[in-house]
Protein backbone atom coordinates (compact mmCIF):
# COMPACT_ATOMS: atom_id res chain seq x y z
CA MET A 1 84.03 33.11 -22.00
CA ILE A 2 87.13 33.26 -19.85
CA ILE A 3 86.45 32.72 -16.14
CA HIS A 4 88.92 33.70 -13.42
CA ILE A 5 88.49 32.61 -9.82
CA ILE A 6 90.16 34.76 -7.17
CA ASN A 7 90.04 33.11 -3.75
CA ARG A 8 90.24 35.57 -0.85
CA GLN A 9 88.73 33.38 1.85
CA SER A 10 89.94 30.46 3.96
CA ILE A 11 86.61 28.88 4.91
CA ARG A 12 86.58 26.24 2.18
CA LYS A 13 88.92 25.29 -0.64
CA PRO A 14 87.18 25.89 -3.99
CA HIS A 15 87.09 23.27 -6.71
CA ALA A 16 87.84 25.62 -9.60
CA GLY A 17 86.72 23.32 -12.41
CA LYS A 18 83.35 22.59 -10.86
CA ILE A 19 82.71 26.22 -9.91
CA LYS A 20 83.59 27.31 -13.46
CA ALA A 21 81.13 24.78 -14.90
CA ALA A 22 78.37 26.07 -12.59
CA ILE A 23 79.06 29.74 -13.33
CA LYS A 24 79.16 29.05 -17.07
CA PHE A 25 75.79 27.31 -16.82
CA PHE A 26 74.23 30.26 -14.95
CA MET A 27 75.84 32.83 -17.26
CA ASP A 28 74.46 30.96 -20.28
CA LYS A 29 70.99 30.99 -18.70
CA ALA A 30 71.23 34.70 -17.90
CA ALA A 31 72.88 35.78 -21.16
CA ASP A 32 69.75 36.86 -23.04
CA GLY A 33 71.82 37.13 -26.21
CA ARG A 34 74.66 39.00 -24.53
CA ASP A 35 78.13 37.85 -25.43
CA TRP A 36 80.40 37.78 -22.38
CA LYS A 37 84.13 37.95 -22.89
CA GLU A 38 85.42 37.51 -19.37
CA LEU A 39 84.16 37.01 -15.82
CA SER A 40 86.08 37.29 -12.58
CA LEU A 41 84.61 35.46 -9.61
CA VAL A 42 85.93 36.67 -6.28
CA LEU A 43 85.38 34.38 -3.31
CA THR A 44 85.48 36.27 -0.04
CA ASP A 45 84.17 36.32 3.53
CA ASP A 46 82.08 38.72 5.64
CA ASN A 47 85.01 41.12 6.17
CA GLY A 48 85.96 41.20 2.50
CA ILE A 49 82.48 41.79 1.15
CA ARG A 50 81.80 44.45 3.78
CA LYS A 51 84.84 46.40 2.54
CA ILE A 52 83.62 46.14 -1.06
CA LYS A 53 80.08 47.19 -0.11
CA ARG A 54 81.48 50.19 1.77
CA GLN A 55 83.89 51.16 -1.04
CA PHE A 56 81.45 50.96 -3.94
CA PHE A 57 78.05 51.59 -2.32
CA ASP A 58 78.96 53.60 0.79
CA VAL A 59 77.03 51.10 2.91
CA ASP A 60 78.60 49.35 5.90
CA CYS A 61 76.98 45.92 5.91
CA VAL A 62 77.57 42.29 5.05
CA THR A 63 75.82 40.82 2.01
CA ASP A 64 75.87 37.57 0.08
CA VAL A 65 76.75 38.59 -3.48
CA ILE A 66 77.70 41.68 -5.47
CA SER A 67 77.85 41.90 -9.28
CA PHE A 68 79.60 44.43 -11.48
CA ALA A 69 79.09 44.58 -15.25
CA LEU A 70 81.68 46.64 -17.09
CA ARG A 71 81.01 48.50 -20.31
CA PRO A 72 82.47 46.87 -23.39
CA GLN A 73 85.59 48.51 -24.75
CA PRO A 74 85.86 49.19 -28.51
CA ALA A 75 88.49 46.48 -28.91
CA ASP A 76 86.13 43.93 -27.31
CA ASN A 77 83.67 44.04 -30.24
CA GLY A 78 80.69 44.45 -27.92
CA ARG A 79 81.67 41.55 -25.66
CA ARG A 80 81.32 42.40 -22.00
CA THR A 81 83.32 41.70 -18.87
CA ALA A 82 82.00 41.32 -15.35
CA GLU A 83 82.88 40.54 -11.78
CA ILE A 84 80.86 38.65 -9.21
CA VAL A 85 81.89 38.73 -5.56
CA VAL A 86 80.46 35.87 -3.47
CA ASN A 87 80.54 35.64 0.31
CA VAL A 88 81.50 32.03 1.08
CA GLU A 89 81.16 32.63 4.82
CA ARG A 90 77.52 33.70 4.34
CA ALA A 91 76.86 30.65 2.12
CA ARG A 92 78.21 28.38 4.87
CA LEU A 93 76.13 30.02 7.62
CA GLU A 94 72.90 30.37 5.63
CA GLY A 95 73.38 26.93 4.10
CA LYS A 96 73.13 25.37 7.56
CA LYS A 97 69.57 26.73 7.79
CA ARG A 98 68.61 25.78 4.25
CA ARG A 99 69.77 23.18 1.74
CA GLY A 100 73.48 23.18 2.46
CA MET A 101 76.46 25.36 1.75
CA GLU A 102 76.98 24.37 -1.88
CA HIS A 103 73.33 24.94 -2.79
CA GLU A 104 73.40 28.34 -1.06
CA PHE A 105 76.65 29.24 -2.83
CA ALA A 106 75.12 28.21 -6.17
CA LEU A 107 72.09 30.40 -5.40
CA TYR A 108 74.45 33.35 -4.90
CA LEU A 109 76.14 32.59 -8.23
CA ALA A 110 72.77 32.40 -10.00
CA HIS A 111 71.63 35.63 -8.35
CA GLY A 112 74.81 37.43 -9.38
CA CYS A 113 74.38 36.24 -12.98
CA ASP A 114 70.73 37.31 -12.93
CA HIS A 115 71.84 40.82 -11.94
CA LEU A 116 74.42 40.83 -14.75
CA ALA A 117 71.57 40.09 -17.16
CA GLY A 118 70.07 43.42 -16.09
CA HIS A 119 67.44 42.16 -13.66
CA ASP A 120 66.83 43.97 -10.41
CA ASP A 121 65.30 43.03 -7.07
CA ARG A 122 64.36 46.42 -5.67
CA THR A 123 60.63 45.72 -5.65
CA VAL A 124 58.78 42.69 -4.28
CA LYS A 125 57.51 41.88 -7.78
CA ASP A 126 61.00 42.01 -9.31
CA ARG A 127 62.52 40.07 -6.41
CA THR A 128 59.87 37.35 -6.84
CA ARG A 129 60.58 37.10 -10.58
CA MET A 130 64.30 36.82 -9.95
CA ARG A 131 63.87 34.19 -7.26
CA ARG A 132 61.61 32.06 -9.48
CA ARG A 133 64.08 32.24 -12.35
CA GLU A 134 67.03 31.41 -10.10
CA GLN A 135 65.19 28.46 -8.50
CA LEU A 136 64.47 27.09 -11.97
CA TRP A 137 68.14 27.42 -12.90
CA LEU A 138 69.16 25.67 -9.67
CA LYS A 139 66.83 22.75 -10.40
CA GLN A 140 68.23 22.45 -13.92
CA ALA A 141 71.81 22.67 -12.63
CA ALA A 142 71.12 20.02 -9.99
CA LYS A 143 69.85 17.63 -12.68
CA LEU A 144 73.16 18.11 -14.47
CA ASN A 145 75.06 17.48 -11.20
CA LEU A 146 76.55 20.98 -11.19
CA LEU A 147 75.78 21.79 -7.55
CA SER A 148 77.94 19.25 -5.75
CA GLY A 149 81.66 19.12 -5.16
CA LEU A 150 82.07 22.89 -5.48
CA PHE A 151 84.22 23.00 -2.32
CA LYS A 152 86.57 20.80 -0.35
CA LEU A 153 87.55 21.06 3.31
CA PHE A 154 90.94 22.70 3.86
């Protein structure tokens, strides 16, 4: 799978190699037999994600992560492409209240991948299932040292 990182925020400098390793881990966990061709990861802030939320969902609010799965094209032999937009500003702010910015950011990555696997969090039951799965993935990723060094200070 080809992973592109598009940085549209100035809060923290991403460590591309480490972020790619983490996203690959979460995509592998979420794959459920799906073969992904390409993933674009967009790193943004509150303003950027608000614009995307307004443009694609007609909702004017800030969120933490948005995922888009694109339909495979005939030339792709069934392999899919996707985009995950992660709000780094939200990860920094929420991370202060929880387990730190990098852990919060990794949670957003895992959640975006979980959505790409077709899971939804519209009901309490579904949200609980997703959260359990994502927490398991985070524990496994932490054991492999995939949750640290994702960002540097500018």
